[in-house]
Protein backbone atom coordinates (compact mmCIF):
# COMPACT_ATOMS: atom_id res chain seq x y z
CA UNK A 1 130.72 107.49 94.81
CA UNK A 2 129.40 107.57 98.38
CA UNK A 3 125.68 106.80 98.49
CA UNK A 4 123.70 107.29 101.69
CA UNK A 5 120.71 104.98 102.02
CA UNK A 6 118.20 106.62 104.32
CA UNK A 7 117.13 103.31 105.84
CA UNK A 8 118.23 100.28 107.80
CA UNK A 9 115.26 98.22 106.57
CA UNK A 10 116.69 95.07 104.97
CA UNK A 11 114.21 94.95 102.07
CA UNK A 12 114.90 98.56 101.09
CA UNK A 13 118.67 98.14 101.49
CA UNK A 14 118.66 95.02 99.32
CA UNK A 15 116.81 96.95 96.61
CA UNK A 16 119.53 99.63 96.67
CA UNK A 17 122.33 97.01 96.63
CA UNK A 18 120.60 95.26 93.70
CA UNK A 19 120.88 98.36 91.52
CA UNK A 20 123.93 100.23 92.81
CA UNK A 21 126.20 97.18 92.60
CA UNK A 22 128.84 98.90 90.48
CA UNK A 23 131.27 99.92 93.18
CA UNK A 24 129.19 102.53 94.99
CA UNK A 25 130.04 102.82 98.67
CA UNK A 26 126.56 102.39 100.18
CA UNK A 27 126.15 103.75 103.69
CA UNK A 28 122.92 102.68 105.44
CA UNK A 29 121.67 105.09 108.08
CA UNK A 30 118.54 105.34 110.17
CA UNK A 31 117.07 108.77 109.53
CA UNK A 32 113.62 110.27 110.05
CA UNK A 33 111.15 110.72 107.24
CA UNK A 34 109.69 113.81 108.93
CA UNK A 35 106.22 112.66 107.87
CA UNK A 36 103.60 110.51 109.64
CA UNK A 37 104.62 107.00 110.64
CA UNK A 38 101.89 105.92 108.23
CA UNK A 39 101.92 108.26 105.22
CA UNK A 40 98.37 108.59 103.91
CA UNK A 41 98.81 110.08 100.44
CA UNK A 42 101.16 110.03 97.48
CA UNK A 43 102.28 113.55 98.38
CA UNK A 44 103.15 112.63 101.97
CA UNK A 45 104.89 109.42 100.89
CA UNK A 46 106.94 111.27 98.26
CA UNK A 47 107.88 113.92 100.82
CA UNK A 48 108.97 111.17 103.22
CA UNK A 49 111.24 109.69 100.54
CA UNK A 50 112.76 113.10 99.75
CA UNK A 51 113.27 113.84 103.44
CA UNK A 52 114.97 110.48 104.01
CA UNK A 53 117.35 111.11 101.08
CA UNK A 54 118.22 114.61 102.29
CA UNK A 55 118.56 113.51 105.91
CA UNK A 56 120.84 110.64 104.86
CA UNK A 57 123.16 113.07 103.07
CA UNK A 58 123.17 115.37 106.10
CA UNK A 59 123.97 112.41 108.37
CA UNK A 60 126.81 110.99 106.26
CA UNK A 61 127.99 113.80 103.97
CA UNK A 62 127.62 111.34 101.07
CA UNK A 63 127.51 112.43 97.42
CA UNK A 64 124.02 111.02 96.85
CA UNK A 65 121.13 110.15 99.11
CA UNK A 66 118.35 107.71 98.42
CA UNK A 67 115.12 107.64 100.36
CA UNK A 68 112.46 104.97 99.99
CA UNK A 69 109.05 105.31 101.59
CA UNK A 70 105.98 103.13 101.69
CA UNK A 71 102.53 104.52 102.26
CA UNK A 72 98.90 104.27 101.33
CA UNK A 73 96.67 106.41 99.15
CA UNK A 74 92.87 106.67 99.09
CA UNK A 75 91.30 105.93 95.72
CA UNK A 76 87.76 105.39 94.42
CA UNK A 77 88.59 101.66 94.52
CA UNK A 78 89.80 101.57 98.11
CA UNK A 79 92.97 102.20 100.07
CA UNK A 80 95.95 101.46 97.85
CA UNK A 81 99.46 100.49 98.84
CA UNK A 82 101.97 102.92 97.35
CA UNK A 83 105.74 103.25 97.42
CA UNK A 84 107.98 106.09 96.36
CA UNK A 85 111.66 106.82 96.14
CA UNK A 86 113.82 109.90 95.83
CA UNK A 87 117.44 110.38 94.80
CA UNK A 88 119.09 113.62 95.93
CA UNK A 89 122.51 114.88 94.82
CA UNK A 90 124.40 116.67 97.61
CA UNK A 91 125.92 119.40 95.44
CA UNK A 92 122.79 120.10 93.40
CA UNK A 93 120.01 122.62 93.79
CA UNK A 94 117.95 120.70 91.24
CA UNK A 95 114.74 118.94 92.24
CA UNK A 96 115.35 115.36 93.37
CA UNK A 97 114.71 112.46 91.05
CA UNK A 98 111.42 110.83 92.07
CA UNK A 99 109.93 107.47 91.14
CA UNK A 100 106.95 105.40 92.22
CA UNK A 101 106.17 101.74 91.99
CA UNK A 102 103.53 99.06 92.19
CA UNK A 103 100.07 99.67 93.60
CA UNK A 104 97.44 97.29 94.83
CA UNK A 105 94.17 97.80 96.69
CA UNK A 106 94.49 96.60 100.27
CA UNK A 107 91.82 94.31 101.71
CA UNK A 108 89.05 96.17 103.58
CA UNK A 109 89.96 94.62 106.95
CA UNK A 110 93.53 95.98 106.66
CA UNK A 111 92.40 99.34 105.29
CA UNK A 112 89.98 99.87 108.16
CA UNK A 113 92.73 99.41 110.75
CA UNK A 114 94.91 101.95 108.92
CA UNK A 115 92.06 104.44 108.71
CA UNK A 116 91.64 103.97 112.47
CA UNK A 117 95.20 105.20 113.03
CA UNK A 118 97.34 102.06 112.97
CA UNK A 119 100.52 101.66 110.90
CA UNK A 120 100.73 99.06 108.12
CA UNK A 121 103.87 97.29 109.41
CA UNK A 122 102.47 96.33 112.83
CA UNK A 123 99.05 95.58 111.30
CA UNK A 124 100.70 93.15 108.87
CA UNK A 125 102.75 91.55 111.68
CA UNK A 126 99.51 91.02 113.62
CA UNK A 127 97.63 89.78 110.56
CA UNK A 128 100.38 87.30 109.60
CA UNK A 129 101.25 86.36 113.19
CA UNK A 130 104.87 87.01 112.27
CA UNK A 131 107.42 89.70 113.14
CA UNK A 132 108.94 92.29 110.83
CA UNK A 133 106.97 91.60 107.63
CA UNK A 134 108.17 95.01 106.36
CA UNK A 135 111.76 93.70 106.13
CA UNK A 136 110.65 90.49 104.46
CA UNK A 137 107.97 90.09 101.78
CA UNK A 138 105.93 93.08 102.93
CA UNK A 139 102.21 93.58 102.44
CA UNK A 140 102.79 93.42 98.68
CA UNK A 141 104.20 89.89 99.03
CA UNK A 142 101.37 88.72 101.25
CA UNK A 143 98.57 90.15 99.13
CA UNK A 144 100.07 89.04 95.78
CA UNK A 145 100.60 85.51 97.13
CA UNK A 146 104.34 85.90 96.73
CA UNK A 147 104.25 86.99 93.08
CA UNK A 148 105.95 90.29 93.99
CA UNK A 149 107.82 90.93 97.22
CA UNK A 150 108.96 94.14 98.89
CA UNK A 151 112.56 93.83 97.64
CA UNK A 152 111.34 93.47 94.04
CA UNK A 153 108.90 96.35 94.45
CA UNK A 154 111.57 98.73 95.78
CA UNK A 155 114.20 97.41 93.34
CA UNK A 156 111.95 98.61 90.53
CA UNK A 157 111.73 102.08 92.15
CA UNK A 158 115.53 102.25 92.66
CA UNK A 159 116.07 101.18 89.05
CA UNK A 160 113.83 104.06 87.92
CA UNK A 161 115.80 106.48 90.12
CA UNK A 162 119.17 105.28 88.83
CA UNK A 163 117.93 105.41 85.25
CA UNK A 164 116.89 109.04 85.63
CA UNK A 165 120.18 109.87 87.33
CA UNK A 166 122.20 108.15 84.58
CA UNK A 167 120.18 109.84 81.83
CA UNK A 168 120.71 113.28 83.38
CA UNK A 169 124.45 112.63 83.59
CA UNK A 170 124.80 111.25 80.07
CA UNK A 171 125.81 114.24 77.98
CA UNK A 172 125.48 112.31 74.71
CA UNK A 173 121.68 112.68 75.17
CA UNK A 174 121.97 116.40 75.70
CA UNK A 175 120.90 115.94 79.38
């Protein structure tokens, strides 16, 4: 099976490798999400994940595409970190498999910068005085004091995607 990963981000790739470690030929590729650099709703973040999966298939002609997208979502409790994934099958007209993961409320001083038009990755780099936080522990790792990192967060999403895919392809369940 050829699987196109619509990313070159190391944390997202590691999450895909963690779950599709059964002989899948994983092809990383840098593709656009076709949404804002900083998605600002669940809907936009989901659409970004779907677009990345579809664009990865178009780029590589793989059997399956996976897109992973991080974003934020306004809530009554504050701006929440969100993350979504999509798995698209090249030869299928069915809706993609979609899964979401962990959520936490971002601190007000980070949220304000995002609301003012900045993107979370560079804001976190500035906040941590470190480069490329998004490929390392991510905001989730910083604001959970290392209890959950970005690889673990996206591994959970990829596991949910693969589980749905496997269930749909397991005829003994009538899927």
